[in-house]
Structures are given as structure tokens and as C-alpha cells.
Amino acid sequence: MRRTGGDTVALSLLEQAYEVALAARQHFIAADAAHSCALAGDMIAWTNRGLELADRFEAARYWRGTLLLNLGDWQWEHGEPAKSLATFEAALEARQRESRNPSLTAEARYGVARALRALGRPLEAVPLLEQAVRWVEETEFEQPEAREYQKELAAAYDDVGRPVEAAALRAALARSSH
């Protein structure tokens, strides 16, 4: 889970930042503050506020994908794979229109794929995971989530009856962890 015990202390400051940025018509900053408030407070209410800004103001549009990614993760963590699938699909659509942070696009693909697998649709998940893993390899992205994409792809390969590819991917993961 993304939240920590100190979030309630920070929430009032984040809410103030949102209000000040909104009053100053700094919509990018206000959407960023809404994103932070969603992580620290009421995920749904603050995500909706941020999405409203992203839909109304060009400057805030960047935050649409991030807000949806966080909501999709929250829905996933709360055992709602069908809701998270719809949210991750919307996040992926938003991220594909925004080129400033390609790691978030890979994360959206992973979210869609993970939800698809949970809903018994691994054949649809495989190409998304392959694309995310290919991006990791091409960019040499070395964050913890990169390994999660690879593990998820190996599991999806197992799901669709491709054990050789699953074993090869797991072997590569084992080699890279040493």
C-alpha cells in the first residue's frame, strides 16, 4: 500500500497547497496536490477532484494518467479487479497521449495485464506484459517494478501454456538477482 502513518499529518498541508494553487490558477500544481491528497486521504474524492482539473485545464492534463494509476492500484489493493481493470485501461489511454514519463505508461500496461489475468483473461494480458518488459529491457529501467513486470509475464506465460518462455524468463530473473 502506498499510504503511511504520517499521511494524516501531511494531508492538511496538501489540502492547503491544492487550495492555494487553485486560487492562483496554477492548475498543474493543483492537480499534483490533488494527486498527493488522494494518496494521503480520501482516494476517490481527491482523484475525482484531480480528474476534474485534468479534464478542464490543459495544464493539468498530465496528471490524468497518474491519478488513474493510483486509483487503479487502490482498487486492486481493495480486491476490486474488475474496477481496477477499467481504471487501468483509462490510465493507459491517458498515458499513451502523454509522453513525459514513459515508465508510467509501462506501469499502466502492467496494471491492465495484472487485472486481466485476475479476471481469467491471460491471453489478453501477455502482449501488454511483453510490451512493458520490452520497454524495461530497451531502456534498462532498474526500478523494483521492472522485476514485477517480468514475474507477471512469466506467470501469464504459464497461464497460456507457454512453460518454456516462463522458465526462460524466470531463469533470467534469477541470474539478474545475483
Protein backbone atom coordinates (compact mmCIF):
# COMPACT_ATOMS: atom_id res chain seq x y z
CA MET A 1 0.00 0.00 0.00
CA ARG A 2 1.23 3.47 -0.78
CA ARG A 3 -0.05 5.16 2.36
CA THR A 4 1.98 5.62 5.52
CA GLY A 5 1.11 6.54 9.08
CA GLY A 6 2.24 10.14 8.63
CA ASP A 7 -0.18 10.86 5.82
CA THR A 8 -2.87 12.37 8.06
CA VAL A 9 -0.37 14.93 9.35
CA ALA A 10 0.56 15.91 5.79
CA LEU A 11 -2.99 15.91 4.44
CA SER A 12 -3.95 19.33 5.80
CA LEU A 13 -0.84 20.87 4.24
CA LEU A 14 -1.53 19.13 0.94
CA GLU A 15 -5.12 20.36 1.00
CA GLN A 16 -3.83 23.90 1.59
CA ALA A 17 -1.45 23.52 -1.34
CA TYR A 18 -4.37 22.43 -3.52
CA GLU A 19 -6.49 25.44 -2.48
CA VAL A 20 -3.63 27.94 -2.92
CA ALA A 21 -2.69 26.54 -6.34
CA LEU A 22 -6.32 26.55 -7.44
CA ALA A 23 -6.80 30.14 -6.30
CA ALA A 24 -3.64 31.13 -8.18
CA ARG A 25 -4.93 29.33 -11.29
CA GLN A 26 -1.88 27.06 -11.20
CA HIS A 27 -3.81 24.05 -12.46
CA PHE A 28 -0.79 21.75 -12.96
CA ILE A 29 0.23 22.27 -9.32
CA ALA A 30 -3.37 21.96 -8.10
CA ALA A 31 -3.76 18.61 -9.90
CA ASP A 32 -0.44 17.45 -8.44
CA ALA A 33 -1.68 18.44 -4.98
CA ALA A 34 -4.97 16.56 -5.60
CA HIS A 35 -2.89 13.52 -6.57
CA SER A 36 -0.96 13.81 -3.30
CA CYS A 37 -4.16 14.31 -1.31
CA ALA A 38 -5.60 11.17 -2.90
CA LEU A 39 -2.60 9.17 -1.71
CA ALA A 40 -2.82 10.61 1.80
CA GLY A 41 -6.58 10.92 2.26
CA ASP A 42 -9.82 10.01 0.52
CA MET A 43 -8.58 8.29 -2.65
CA ILE A 44 -11.85 8.50 -4.57
CA ALA A 45 -12.85 12.07 -3.70
CA TRP A 46 -9.40 13.54 -4.34
CA THR A 47 -8.91 11.53 -7.52
CA ASN A 48 -12.20 12.91 -8.80
CA ARG A 49 -11.10 16.46 -7.98
CA GLY A 50 -7.82 15.93 -9.81
CA LEU A 51 -9.56 14.36 -12.81
CA GLU A 52 -11.96 17.28 -12.98
CA LEU A 53 -8.98 19.65 -13.21
CA ALA A 54 -7.29 17.43 -15.80
CA ASP A 55 -10.44 17.42 -17.92
CA ARG A 56 -10.98 21.19 -17.67
CA PHE A 57 -7.46 22.59 -17.95
CA GLU A 58 -4.77 21.71 -20.47
CA ALA A 59 -2.04 22.47 -17.92
CA ALA A 60 -3.40 19.77 -15.59
CA ARG A 61 -3.96 17.10 -18.26
CA TYR A 62 -0.61 15.44 -17.48
CA TRP A 63 -1.98 14.24 -14.12
CA ARG A 64 -4.92 12.27 -15.57
CA GLY A 65 -2.90 9.09 -16.12
CA THR A 66 -1.16 9.27 -12.74
CA LEU A 67 -4.40 9.88 -10.86
CA LEU A 68 -5.99 6.90 -12.60
CA LEU A 69 -2.95 4.69 -11.98
CA ASN A 70 -3.12 5.41 -8.26
CA LEU A 71 -6.87 4.78 -8.18
CA GLY A 72 -6.41 1.51 -10.09
CA ASP A 73 -3.75 0.40 -7.59
CA TRP A 74 -6.07 1.33 -4.72
CA GLN A 75 -8.95 -0.63 -6.26
CA TRP A 76 -6.62 -3.59 -6.82
CA GLU A 77 -5.42 -3.46 -3.21
CA HIS A 78 -9.06 -3.42 -2.09
CA GLY A 79 -9.88 -6.61 -4.03
CA GLU A 80 -11.72 -5.00 -6.93
CA PRO A 81 -10.01 -6.38 -10.07
CA ALA A 82 -12.90 -5.54 -12.43
CA LYS A 83 -12.97 -1.90 -11.30
CA SER A 84 -9.18 -1.72 -11.41
CA LEU A 85 -9.19 -3.07 -14.98
CA ALA A 86 -11.47 -0.28 -16.19
CA THR A 87 -9.41 2.30 -14.32
CA PHE A 88 -6.08 0.96 -15.57
CA GLU A 89 -7.43 0.92 -19.14
CA ALA A 90 -8.36 4.60 -18.79
CA ALA A 91 -4.92 5.28 -17.28
CA LEU A 92 -3.21 3.54 -20.19
CA GLU A 93 -5.25 5.56 -22.68
CA ALA A 94 -4.26 8.78 -20.90
CA ARG A 95 -0.61 7.75 -20.61
CA GLN A 96 -0.39 6.91 -24.32
CA ARG A 97 -1.33 10.53 -25.07
CA GLU A 98 1.32 11.86 -22.66
CA SER A 99 4.99 11.26 -23.43
CA ARG A 100 6.67 12.88 -20.43
CA ASN A 101 7.02 9.80 -18.25
CA PRO A 102 7.14 6.52 -20.18
CA SER A 103 7.66 4.49 -17.00
CA LEU A 104 4.08 5.35 -16.05
CA THR A 105 2.87 4.03 -19.40
CA ALA A 106 4.63 0.72 -18.69
CA GLU A 107 3.05 0.72 -15.22
CA ALA A 108 -0.40 1.23 -16.77
CA ARG A 109 0.17 -1.71 -19.14
CA TYR A 110 1.20 -3.83 -16.17
CA GLY A 111 -1.93 -2.77 -14.25
CA VAL A 112 -4.22 -3.67 -17.15
CA ALA A 113 -2.46 -7.00 -17.64
CA ARG A 114 -2.49 -7.92 -13.95
CA ALA A 115 -6.22 -7.22 -13.76
CA LEU A 116 -6.86 -9.17 -16.96
CA ARG A 117 -5.04 -12.18 -15.50
CA ALA A 118 -7.03 -11.92 -12.26
CA LEU A 119 -10.22 -11.93 -14.32
CA GLY A 120 -9.17 -15.08 -16.20
CA ARG A 121 -8.09 -13.32 -19.41
CA PRO A 122 -4.35 -14.12 -19.64
CA LEU A 123 -4.26 -14.23 -23.45
CA GLU A 124 -5.07 -10.51 -23.48
CA ALA A 125 -2.50 -9.84 -20.75
CA VAL A 126 0.51 -11.41 -22.49
CA PRO A 127 1.03 -8.79 -25.24
CA LEU A 128 0.73 -5.93 -22.76
CA LEU A 129 3.25 -7.53 -20.43
CA GLU A 130 5.60 -8.31 -23.32
CA GLN A 131 5.46 -4.65 -24.31
CA ALA A 132 6.18 -3.50 -20.74
CA VAL A 133 9.07 -5.94 -20.37
CA ARG A 134 10.47 -4.96 -23.77
CA TRP A 135 10.42 -1.31 -22.68
CA VAL A 136 12.25 -2.24 -19.45
CA GLU A 137 14.93 -4.06 -21.45
CA GLU A 138 15.32 -1.32 -24.07
CA THR A 139 15.60 1.48 -21.52
CA GLU A 140 17.49 -0.52 -18.87
CA PHE A 141 14.85 0.63 -16.37
CA GLU A 142 16.06 -0.56 -12.98
CA GLN A 143 13.25 0.08 -10.54
CA PRO A 144 11.69 -2.71 -8.43
CA GLU A 145 8.53 -2.70 -10.54
CA ALA A 146 10.59 -3.84 -13.58
CA ARG A 147 11.07 -7.23 -11.92
CA GLU A 148 7.34 -7.34 -11.15
CA TYR A 149 6.54 -6.92 -14.84
CA GLN A 150 8.83 -9.83 -15.64
CA LYS A 151 7.37 -12.05 -12.90
CA GLU A 152 3.85 -11.26 -14.08
CA LEU A 153 4.80 -12.10 -17.67
CA ALA A 154 6.28 -15.43 -16.58
CA ALA A 155 3.05 -16.24 -14.73
CA ALA A 156 0.99 -15.21 -17.76
CA TYR A 157 3.11 -17.45 -19.98
CA ASP A 158 2.30 -20.32 -17.59
CA ASP A 159 -1.39 -19.41 -17.77
CA VAL A 160 -1.46 -19.64 -21.56
CA GLY A 161 0.57 -22.84 -21.85
CA ARG A 162 3.98 -21.37 -22.71
CA PRO A 163 6.11 -23.01 -19.99
CA VAL A 164 9.37 -22.77 -21.95
CA GLU A 165 9.12 -18.97 -22.17
CA ALA A 166 8.06 -18.80 -18.50
CA ALA A 167 11.06 -20.88 -17.42
CA ALA A 168 13.46 -18.82 -19.54
CA LEU A 169 12.16 -15.58 -18.06
CA ARG A 170 12.42 -16.93 -14.51
CA ALA A 171 15.98 -18.09 -15.19
CA ALA A 172 16.89 -14.63 -16.48
CA LEU A 173 15.34 -13.09 -13.37
CA ALA A 174 17.35 -15.44 -11.13
CA ARG A 175 20.59 -14.56 -12.96
CA SER A 176 19.94 -10.84 -12.68
CA SER A 177 19.29 -11.01 -8.94
CA HIS A 178 22.84 -12.21 -8.24
